[in-house]
Amino acid sequence: MLNDRHLFERRNAILRILRGGVVHRQSDLAQLLRRDGFDVTQSSVSRDLRELGVLKASGRYLVPPDEISRANGDFGALAPFVRAIRAAGSSTTVIKTSIGAAPSVAVAVDKAEWPEVVGTISGDDTIFIATADARAQRRLIQRLNTLFRS
């Protein structure tokens, strides 16, 4: 059984590798981890990526902004993937992203726990964000435009 320290070290190695370069496939990541001395399988790498909240967008793995950054509104790593922000009615906002990036952006919005957001639904390249009313929607769109410079 894997001890907590080894798991911690392996997951830190994954984050280091992803921050240091572009990784397109789990098999590539597994190979890099093995080179660093970690005994990994495809399923252990997949589980680690899921637990770490690693995102895949535009064909590559991305390290999500850390919890502190999200709380402070640092969405810089996700901004390049946001294509459009538009109102749809008086209480729904739609964000269009690059293919595969919508789940990552939706998670960041959810984790930010903004008071104007009631909930999000994400597809592959589209996010629907519900707000309580038109006023909350205006505040949300202003916030999103500031963060993503759309």
C-alpha atoms as a PDB file:
ATOM      1  CA  MET A   1       0.000   0.000   0.000  1.00  0.00           C
ATOM      2  CA  LEU A   2       1.209   3.469  -0.911  1.00  0.00           C
ATOM      3  CA  ASN A   3       2.122   5.642   2.062  1.00  0.00           C
ATOM      4  CA  ASP A   4       0.954   9.242   2.335  1.00  0.00           C
ATOM      5  CA  ARG A   5       4.447  10.689   1.979  1.00  0.00           C
ATOM      6  CA  HIS A   6       5.112   8.836  -1.280  1.00  0.00           C
ATOM      7  CA  LEU A   7       1.710   9.918  -2.653  1.00  0.00           C
ATOM      8  CA  PHE A   8       2.433  13.527  -1.653  1.00  0.00           C
ATOM      9  CA  GLU A   9       5.853  13.415  -3.352  1.00  0.00           C
ATOM     10  CA  ARG A  10       4.428  11.846  -6.523  1.00  0.00           C
ATOM     11  CA  ARG A  11       1.668  14.423  -6.769  1.00  0.00           C
ATOM     12  CA  ASN A  12       4.153  17.237  -6.217  1.00  0.00           C
ATOM     13  CA  ALA A  13       6.262  15.746  -9.016  1.00  0.00           C
ATOM     14  CA  ILE A  14       3.214  15.778 -11.303  1.00  0.00           C
ATOM     15  CA  LEU A  15       2.602  19.460 -10.548  1.00  0.00           C
ATOM     16  CA  ARG A  16       6.277  20.276 -11.104  1.00  0.00           C
ATOM     17  CA  ILE A  17       6.308  18.454 -14.451  1.00  0.00           C
ATOM     18  CA  LEU A  18       3.118  20.142 -15.641  1.00  0.00           C
ATOM     19  CA  ARG A  19       4.327  23.589 -14.589  1.00  0.00           C
ATOM     20  CA  GLY A  20       7.646  22.983 -16.323  1.00  0.00           C
ATOM     21  CA  GLY A  21       6.390  21.994 -19.751  1.00  0.00           C
ATOM     22  CA  VAL A  22       3.600  20.878 -22.002  1.00  0.00           C
ATOM     23  CA  VAL A  23       2.228  17.370 -21.476  1.00  0.00           C
ATOM     24  CA  HIS A  24      -0.354  16.088 -23.948  1.00  0.00           C
ATOM     25  CA  ARG A  25      -0.947  12.491 -22.824  1.00  0.00           C
ATOM     26  CA  GLN A  26      -1.137  10.589 -19.558  1.00  0.00           C
ATOM     27  CA  SER A  27       1.310   8.046 -20.954  1.00  0.00           C
ATOM     28  CA  ASP A  28       3.873  10.832 -21.458  1.00  0.00           C
ATOM     29  CA  LEU A  29       3.366  11.982 -17.876  1.00  0.00           C
ATOM     30  CA  ALA A  30       3.704   8.412 -16.601  1.00  0.00           C
ATOM     31  CA  GLN A  31       6.983   8.050 -18.499  1.00  0.00           C
ATOM     32  CA  LEU A  32       8.341  11.293 -16.999  1.00  0.00           C
ATOM     33  CA  LEU A  33       7.326  10.144 -13.523  1.00  0.00           C
ATOM     34  CA  ARG A  34       9.040   6.787 -14.021  1.00  0.00           C
ATOM     35  CA  ARG A  35      12.175   8.631 -15.125  1.00  0.00           C
ATOM     36  CA  ASP A  36      12.007  10.511 -11.801  1.00  0.00           C
ATOM     37  CA  GLY A  37      11.849   7.213  -9.914  1.00  0.00           C
ATOM     38  CA  PHE A  38       8.109   6.834  -9.343  1.00  0.00           C
ATOM     39  CA  ASP A  39       6.447   3.468  -9.938  1.00  0.00           C
ATOM     40  CA  VAL A  40       3.188   4.479 -11.640  1.00  0.00           C
ATOM     41  CA  THR A  41       0.456   2.974 -13.768  1.00  0.00           C
ATOM     42  CA  GLN A  42      -1.924   4.673 -16.170  1.00  0.00           C
ATOM     43  CA  SER A  43      -4.723   4.347 -13.609  1.00  0.00           C
ATOM     44  CA  SER A  44      -2.640   5.854 -10.769  1.00  0.00           C
ATOM     45  CA  VAL A  45      -1.702   8.817 -12.982  1.00  0.00           C
ATOM     46  CA  SER A  46      -5.347   9.276 -13.971  1.00  0.00           C
ATOM     47  CA  ARG A  47      -6.439   9.181 -10.317  1.00  0.00           C
ATOM     48  CA  ASP A  48      -3.706  11.657  -9.309  1.00  0.00           C
ATOM     49  CA  LEU A  49      -4.711  14.083 -12.061  1.00  0.00           C
ATOM     50  CA  ARG A  50      -8.344  13.897 -10.954  1.00  0.00           C
ATOM     51  CA  GLU A  51      -7.484  14.370  -7.262  1.00  0.00           C
ATOM     52  CA  LEU A  52      -5.182  17.303  -8.036  1.00  0.00           C
ATOM     53  CA  GLY A  53      -7.857  18.993 -10.122  1.00  0.00           C
ATOM     54  CA  VAL A  54      -5.597  19.020 -13.179  1.00  0.00           C
ATOM     55  CA  LEU A  55      -7.459  20.205 -16.239  1.00  0.00           C
ATOM     56  CA  LYS A  56      -7.127  19.257 -19.881  1.00  0.00           C
ATOM     57  CA  ALA A  57      -7.759  21.987 -22.405  1.00  0.00           C
ATOM     58  CA  SER A  58      -6.576  22.492 -25.968  1.00  0.00           C
ATOM     59  CA  GLY A  59      -5.001  19.047 -25.870  1.00  0.00           C
ATOM     60  CA  ARG A  60      -2.710  19.635 -22.895  1.00  0.00           C
ATOM     61  CA  TYR A  61      -2.799  19.245 -19.134  1.00  0.00           C
ATOM     62  CA  LEU A  62      -2.999  22.401 -17.030  1.00  0.00           C
ATOM     63  CA  VAL A  63      -2.404  22.885 -13.336  1.00  0.00           C
ATOM     64  CA  PRO A  64      -5.435  24.663 -11.878  1.00  0.00           C
ATOM     65  CA  PRO A  65      -4.965  27.909  -9.980  1.00  0.00           C
ATOM     66  CA  ASP A  66      -4.406  27.096  -6.315  1.00  0.00           C
ATOM     67  CA  GLU A  67      -7.168  27.624  -3.777  1.00  0.00           C
ATOM     68  CA  ILE A  68      -5.648  30.840  -2.454  1.00  0.00           C
ATOM     69  CA  SER A  69      -5.356  32.308  -5.917  1.00  0.00           C
ATOM     70  CA  ARG A  70      -8.940  31.375  -6.727  1.00  0.00           C
ATOM     71  CA  ALA A  71     -10.187  33.013  -3.559  1.00  0.00           C
ATOM     72  CA  ASN A  72      -8.306  36.161  -4.560  1.00  0.00           C
ATOM     73  CA  GLY A  73      -9.748  36.073  -8.074  1.00  0.00           C
ATOM     74  CA  ASP A  74      -6.616  35.042  -9.998  1.00  0.00           C
ATOM     75  CA  PHE A  75      -8.054  33.432 -13.110  1.00  0.00           C
ATOM     76  CA  GLY A  76      -5.033  34.315 -15.254  1.00  0.00           C
ATOM     77  CA  ALA A  77      -4.193  30.723 -16.177  1.00  0.00           C
ATOM     78  CA  LEU A  78      -7.708  30.201 -17.542  1.00  0.00           C
ATOM     79  CA  ALA A  79      -8.186  33.573 -19.259  1.00  0.00           C
ATOM     80  CA  PRO A  80      -6.635  32.530 -22.596  1.00  0.00           C
ATOM     81  CA  PHE A  81      -9.319  29.843 -22.969  1.00  0.00           C
ATOM     82  CA  VAL A  82     -12.330  32.168 -22.531  1.00  0.00           C
ATOM     83  CA  ARG A  83     -13.719  33.259 -25.902  1.00  0.00           C
ATOM     84  CA  ALA A  84     -16.941  35.135 -25.063  1.00  0.00           C
ATOM     85  CA  ILE A  85     -19.167  36.173 -22.168  1.00  0.00           C
ATOM     86  CA  ARG A  86     -22.803  37.014 -22.881  1.00  0.00           C
ATOM     87  CA  ALA A  87     -26.114  37.483 -21.114  1.00  0.00           C
ATOM     88  CA  ALA A  88     -28.886  35.055 -22.051  1.00  0.00           C
ATOM     89  CA  GLY A  89     -32.107  36.436 -20.627  1.00  0.00           C
ATOM     90  CA  SER A  90     -32.134  38.252 -17.312  1.00  0.00           C
ATOM     91  CA  SER A  91     -30.559  35.626 -15.065  1.00  0.00           C
ATOM     92  CA  THR A  92     -28.398  33.329 -17.211  1.00  0.00           C
ATOM     93  CA  THR A  93     -24.881  34.119 -18.369  1.00  0.00           C
ATOM     94  CA  VAL A  94     -23.113  32.079 -21.038  1.00  0.00           C
ATOM     95  CA  ILE A  95     -19.341  31.715 -21.260  1.00  0.00           C
ATOM     96  CA  LYS A  96     -17.885  30.244 -24.460  1.00  0.00           C
ATOM     97  CA  THR A  97     -14.423  28.682 -24.135  1.00  0.00           C
ATOM     98  CA  SER A  98     -11.923  26.755 -26.192  1.00  0.00           C
ATOM     99  CA  ILE A  99     -12.920  23.121 -26.671  1.00  0.00           C
ATOM    100  CA  GLY A 100     -12.316  21.211 -23.446  1.00  0.00           C
ATOM    101  CA  ALA A 101     -11.788  24.270 -21.231  1.00  0.00           C
ATOM    102  CA  ALA A 102     -15.340  24.867 -19.989  1.00  0.00           C
ATOM    103  CA  PRO A 103     -15.186  22.384 -17.079  1.00  0.00           C
ATOM    104  CA  SER A 104     -12.008  24.037 -15.785  1.00  0.00           C
ATOM    105  CA  VAL A 105     -13.448  27.536 -15.942  1.00  0.00           C
ATOM    106  CA  ALA A 106     -16.712  26.360 -14.328  1.00  0.00           C
ATOM    107  CA  VAL A 107     -14.827  24.739 -11.450  1.00  0.00           C
ATOM    108  CA  ALA A 108     -12.892  27.965 -10.872  1.00  0.00           C
ATOM    109  CA  VAL A 109     -16.134  29.980 -10.839  1.00  0.00           C
ATOM    110  CA  ASP A 110     -17.726  27.493  -8.422  1.00  0.00           C
ATOM    111  CA  LYS A 111     -14.720  27.527  -6.095  1.00  0.00           C
ATOM    112  CA  ALA A 112     -14.691  31.322  -6.032  1.00  0.00           C
ATOM    113  CA  GLU A 113     -18.121  31.210  -4.310  1.00  0.00           C
ATOM    114  CA  TRP A 114     -19.249  34.577  -5.636  1.00  0.00           C
ATOM    115  CA  PRO A 115     -22.515  35.704  -4.039  1.00  0.00           C
ATOM    116  CA  GLU A 116     -24.150  36.487  -7.381  1.00  0.00           C
ATOM    117  CA  VAL A 117     -23.721  32.904  -8.685  1.00  0.00           C
ATOM    118  CA  VAL A 118     -26.542  30.485  -7.931  1.00  0.00           C
ATOM    119  CA  GLY A 119     -25.015  27.617  -9.931  1.00  0.00           C
ATOM    120  CA  THR A 120     -23.153  26.537 -13.053  1.00  0.00           C
ATOM    121  CA  ILE A 121     -23.618  23.913 -15.731  1.00  0.00           C
ATOM    122  CA  SER A 122     -20.712  23.085 -17.982  1.00  0.00           C
ATOM    123  CA  GLY A 123     -20.360  21.321 -21.285  1.00  0.00           C
ATOM    124  CA  ASP A 124     -17.176  20.952 -23.287  1.00  0.00           C
ATOM    125  CA  ASP A 125     -16.931  24.546 -24.533  1.00  0.00           C
ATOM    126  CA  THR A 126     -19.941  26.282 -22.971  1.00  0.00           C
ATOM    127  CA  ILE A 127     -20.879  27.233 -19.416  1.00  0.00           C
ATOM    128  CA  PHE A 128     -24.294  28.376 -18.224  1.00  0.00           C
ATOM    129  CA  ILE A 129     -24.234  30.396 -15.016  1.00  0.00           C
ATOM    130  CA  ALA A 130     -27.480  31.085 -13.173  1.00  0.00           C
ATOM    131  CA  THR A 131     -27.927  34.236 -11.106  1.00  0.00           C
ATOM    132  CA  ALA A 132     -30.857  35.216  -8.900  1.00  0.00           C
ATOM    133  CA  ASP A 133     -31.847  38.242 -10.967  1.00  0.00           C
ATOM    134  CA  ALA A 134     -30.761  40.752 -13.610  1.00  0.00           C
ATOM    135  CA  ARG A 135     -28.859  42.880 -11.098  1.00  0.00           C
ATOM    136  CA  ALA A 136     -26.747  39.922  -9.955  1.00  0.00           C
ATOM    137  CA  GLN A 137     -26.201  39.005 -13.599  1.00  0.00           C
ATOM    138  CA  ARG A 138     -24.844  42.494 -14.381  1.00  0.00           C
ATOM    139  CA  ARG A 139     -22.416  42.253 -11.433  1.00  0.00           C
ATOM    140  CA  LEU A 140     -21.313  38.792 -12.571  1.00  0.00           C
ATOM    141  CA  ILE A 141     -20.726  39.871 -16.175  1.00  0.00           C
ATOM    142  CA  GLN A 142     -18.728  42.866 -14.999  1.00  0.00           C
ATOM    143  CA  ARG A 143     -16.623  40.601 -12.761  1.00  0.00           C
ATOM    144  CA  LEU A 144     -16.081  38.038 -15.534  1.00  0.00           C
ATOM    145  CA  ASN A 145     -15.109  40.693 -18.065  1.00  0.00           C
ATOM    146  CA  THR A 146     -12.584  42.119 -15.614  1.00  0.00           C
ATOM    147  CA  LEU A 147     -11.085  38.695 -14.877  1.00  0.00           C
ATOM    148  CA  PHE A 148     -11.020  37.363 -18.397  1.00  0.00           C
ATOM    149  CA  ARG A 149     -10.566  40.665 -20.278  1.00  0.00           C
ATOM    150  CA  SER A 150     -13.127  39.524 -22.777  1.00  0.00           C
END
